[in-house]
Amino acid sequence: MLRGSALADEAALIVSELSTNAIRHTASGLDSGIFHLAVAVSAQVVAVSVTDDGGTGTAPKIEHQDHDVEHGRGLDMVSLIAHRMVVHSSDQGHTVTAELYADPRLGGRWC
């Protein structure tokens, strides 16, 4: 979908981080667990959303970790790459959406 796009590498990294978080930190990582990935592409925006299976009492949040640690820096990294990131919580789980803009002046940072 993003072949040739200047945003392809960033979008691929965001997909990897958000999917890994869903598998590692929620019921999505259980044998019967799943997660949903949605990618929306327009001339101005690439939006990547991952919805997990829930099973945690808290919403995903950025944890500023030392650069030496192996875990816990995924959302921090996504928030630095994405022009906007939003977390929606529901009874079924959480959806993290990261947006990349062709023109970075269009967006905010974190909601």
C-alpha atoms as a PDB file:
ATOM      1  CA  MET A   1       0.000   0.000   0.000  1.00  0.00           C
ATOM      2  CA  LEU A   2       2.820   2.398   0.776  1.00  0.00           C
ATOM      3  CA  ARG A   3       5.376   1.322  -1.801  1.00  0.00           C
ATOM      4  CA  GLY A   4       7.307   4.402  -2.834  1.00  0.00           C
ATOM      5  CA  SER A   5       5.850   6.543  -0.042  1.00  0.00           C
ATOM      6  CA  ALA A   6       8.170   8.689   2.054  1.00  0.00           C
ATOM      7  CA  LEU A   7       6.153   7.504   5.075  1.00  0.00           C
ATOM      8  CA  ALA A   8       6.503   3.744   4.431  1.00  0.00           C
ATOM      9  CA  ASP A   9       9.380   3.041   6.824  1.00  0.00           C
ATOM     10  CA  GLU A  10       7.816   5.007   9.665  1.00  0.00           C
ATOM     11  CA  ALA A  11       4.450   3.312   9.133  1.00  0.00           C
ATOM     12  CA  ALA A  12       6.075  -0.149   9.133  1.00  0.00           C
ATOM     13  CA  LEU A  13       7.859   0.604  12.405  1.00  0.00           C
ATOM     14  CA  ILE A  14       4.626   1.837  13.986  1.00  0.00           C
ATOM     15  CA  VAL A  15       2.752  -1.315  12.863  1.00  0.00           C
ATOM     16  CA  SER A  16       5.497  -3.464  14.366  1.00  0.00           C
ATOM     17  CA  GLU A  17       5.561  -1.625  17.701  1.00  0.00           C
ATOM     18  CA  LEU A  18       1.791  -1.410  18.188  1.00  0.00           C
ATOM     19  CA  SER A  19       1.246  -5.047  17.172  1.00  0.00           C
ATOM     20  CA  THR A  20       4.015  -6.236  19.487  1.00  0.00           C
ATOM     21  CA  ASN A  21       2.504  -4.260  22.367  1.00  0.00           C
ATOM     22  CA  ALA A  22      -0.911  -5.834  21.757  1.00  0.00           C
ATOM     23  CA  ILE A  23       0.589  -9.327  21.809  1.00  0.00           C
ATOM     24  CA  ARG A  24       2.892  -8.793  24.790  1.00  0.00           C
ATOM     25  CA  HIS A  25       0.703  -6.740  27.097  1.00  0.00           C
ATOM     26  CA  THR A  26      -2.921  -7.772  26.479  1.00  0.00           C
ATOM     27  CA  ALA A  27      -5.150 -10.805  26.037  1.00  0.00           C
ATOM     28  CA  SER A  28      -4.269 -10.609  22.328  1.00  0.00           C
ATOM     29  CA  GLY A  29      -1.161 -12.630  23.192  1.00  0.00           C
ATOM     30  CA  LEU A  30      -3.143 -15.575  24.569  1.00  0.00           C
ATOM     31  CA  ASP A  31      -3.703 -18.703  22.482  1.00  0.00           C
ATOM     32  CA  SER A  32      -7.221 -17.558  21.628  1.00  0.00           C
ATOM     33  CA  GLY A  33      -6.284 -13.865  21.411  1.00  0.00           C
ATOM     34  CA  ILE A  34      -6.372 -11.650  18.363  1.00  0.00           C
ATOM     35  CA  PHE A  35      -5.748  -8.044  17.487  1.00  0.00           C
ATOM     36  CA  HIS A  36      -7.017  -5.923  14.633  1.00  0.00           C
ATOM     37  CA  LEU A  37      -4.858  -3.789  12.379  1.00  0.00           C
ATOM     38  CA  ALA A  38      -6.301  -1.027  10.211  1.00  0.00           C
ATOM     39  CA  VAL A  39      -4.305   1.159   7.844  1.00  0.00           C
ATOM     40  CA  ALA A  40      -5.861   4.161   6.117  1.00  0.00           C
ATOM     41  CA  VAL A  41      -3.953   5.979   3.399  1.00  0.00           C
ATOM     42  CA  SER A  42      -4.674   9.267   1.671  1.00  0.00           C
ATOM     43  CA  ALA A  43      -2.498  11.810  -0.099  1.00  0.00           C
ATOM     44  CA  GLN A  44      -2.170  13.738   3.177  1.00  0.00           C
ATOM     45  CA  VAL A  45      -2.284  11.117   5.967  1.00  0.00           C
ATOM     46  CA  VAL A  46      -1.305   7.559   6.808  1.00  0.00           C
ATOM     47  CA  ALA A  47      -3.192   6.315   9.873  1.00  0.00           C
ATOM     48  CA  VAL A  48      -2.304   3.035  11.589  1.00  0.00           C
ATOM     49  CA  SER A  49      -4.653   1.621  14.251  1.00  0.00           C
ATOM     50  CA  VAL A  50      -4.202  -1.481  16.378  1.00  0.00           C
ATOM     51  CA  THR A  51      -7.058  -2.719  18.563  1.00  0.00           C
ATOM     52  CA  ASP A  52      -6.186  -5.287  21.211  1.00  0.00           C
ATOM     53  CA  ASP A  53      -8.291  -7.872  23.056  1.00  0.00           C
ATOM     54  CA  GLY A  54      -8.095  -6.043  26.378  1.00  0.00           C
ATOM     55  CA  GLY A  55      -7.442  -7.948  29.563  1.00  0.00           C
ATOM     56  CA  THR A  56      -5.525  -5.125  31.205  1.00  0.00           C
ATOM     57  CA  GLY A  57      -6.804  -2.711  33.788  1.00  0.00           C
ATOM     58  CA  THR A  58      -5.062   0.312  32.314  1.00  0.00           C
ATOM     59  CA  ALA A  59      -4.854   2.000  28.945  1.00  0.00           C
ATOM     60  CA  PRO A  60      -1.577   1.996  27.031  1.00  0.00           C
ATOM     61  CA  LYS A  61       0.626   4.875  28.124  1.00  0.00           C
ATOM     62  CA  ILE A  62       4.011   6.300  27.291  1.00  0.00           C
ATOM     63  CA  GLU A  63       6.733   5.325  29.717  1.00  0.00           C
ATOM     64  CA  HIS A  64       9.933   7.297  29.348  1.00  0.00           C
ATOM     65  CA  GLN A  65      12.624   4.679  29.886  1.00  0.00           C
ATOM     66  CA  ASP A  66      16.390   4.798  29.838  1.00  0.00           C
ATOM     67  CA  HIS A  67      17.831   3.964  26.451  1.00  0.00           C
ATOM     68  CA  ASP A  68      19.565   0.921  27.996  1.00  0.00           C
ATOM     69  CA  VAL A  69      16.376  -1.011  28.804  1.00  0.00           C
ATOM     70  CA  GLU A  70      15.124  -3.641  26.367  1.00  0.00           C
ATOM     71  CA  HIS A  71      11.382  -3.166  26.963  1.00  0.00           C
ATOM     72  CA  GLY A  72       8.939  -0.366  27.682  1.00  0.00           C
ATOM     73  CA  ARG A  73       9.971   2.149  25.029  1.00  0.00           C
ATOM     74  CA  GLY A  74       7.594   1.213  22.193  1.00  0.00           C
ATOM     75  CA  LEU A  75       4.863   3.815  22.708  1.00  0.00           C
ATOM     76  CA  ASP A  76       7.457   6.450  23.506  1.00  0.00           C
ATOM     77  CA  MET A  77       9.134   5.717  20.168  1.00  0.00           C
ATOM     78  CA  VAL A  78       5.800   5.718  18.311  1.00  0.00           C
ATOM     79  CA  SER A  79       4.870   9.065  19.874  1.00  0.00           C
ATOM     80  CA  LEU A  80       8.151  10.548  18.635  1.00  0.00           C
ATOM     81  CA  ILE A  81       7.697   9.229  15.084  1.00  0.00           C
ATOM     82  CA  ALA A  82       3.965   9.900  14.666  1.00  0.00           C
ATOM     83  CA  HIS A  83       2.637  13.384  14.143  1.00  0.00           C
ATOM     84  CA  ARG A  84      -0.398  12.477  16.247  1.00  0.00           C
ATOM     85  CA  MET A  85      -1.237   9.518  18.476  1.00  0.00           C
ATOM     86  CA  VAL A  86      -4.581   8.764  20.132  1.00  0.00           C
ATOM     87  CA  VAL A  87      -5.639   6.002  22.546  1.00  0.00           C
ATOM     88  CA  HIS A  88      -9.300   4.953  22.723  1.00  0.00           C
ATOM     89  CA  SER A  89     -10.457   2.605  25.469  1.00  0.00           C
ATOM     90  CA  SER A  90     -13.564   0.435  25.506  1.00  0.00           C
ATOM     91  CA  ASP A  91     -14.882  -2.554  27.424  1.00  0.00           C
ATOM     92  CA  GLN A  92     -13.411  -4.832  24.752  1.00  0.00           C
ATOM     93  CA  GLY A  93      -9.878  -3.408  24.689  1.00  0.00           C
ATOM     94  CA  HIS A  94      -7.853  -0.445  23.520  1.00  0.00           C
ATOM     95  CA  THR A  95      -7.202   1.086  20.134  1.00  0.00           C
ATOM     96  CA  VAL A  96      -4.003   2.994  19.540  1.00  0.00           C
ATOM     97  CA  THR A  97      -3.984   5.133  16.399  1.00  0.00           C
ATOM     98  CA  ALA A  98      -0.850   6.792  15.085  1.00  0.00           C
ATOM     99  CA  GLU A  99      -1.035   9.291  12.247  1.00  0.00           C
ATOM    100  CA  LEU A 100       1.731  10.371   9.899  1.00  0.00           C
ATOM    101  CA  TYR A 101       1.207  13.505   7.833  1.00  0.00           C
ATOM    102  CA  ALA A 102       2.739  14.255   4.458  1.00  0.00           C
ATOM    103  CA  ASP A 103       2.929  17.862   5.730  1.00  0.00           C
ATOM    104  CA  PRO A 104       3.909  17.688   9.449  1.00  0.00           C
ATOM    105  CA  ARG A 105       2.513  21.179  10.048  1.00  0.00           C
ATOM    106  CA  LEU A 106      -1.007  19.652   9.908  1.00  0.00           C
ATOM    107  CA  GLY A 107      -1.092  17.902  13.255  1.00  0.00           C
ATOM    108  CA  GLY A 108      -0.554  17.769  16.958  1.00  0.00           C
ATOM    109  CA  ARG A 109       1.388  15.226  18.982  1.00  0.00           C
ATOM    110  CA  TRP A 110      -0.453  13.125  21.568  1.00  0.00           C
ATOM    111  CA  CYS A 111      -4.074  12.829  22.660  1.00  0.00           C
END
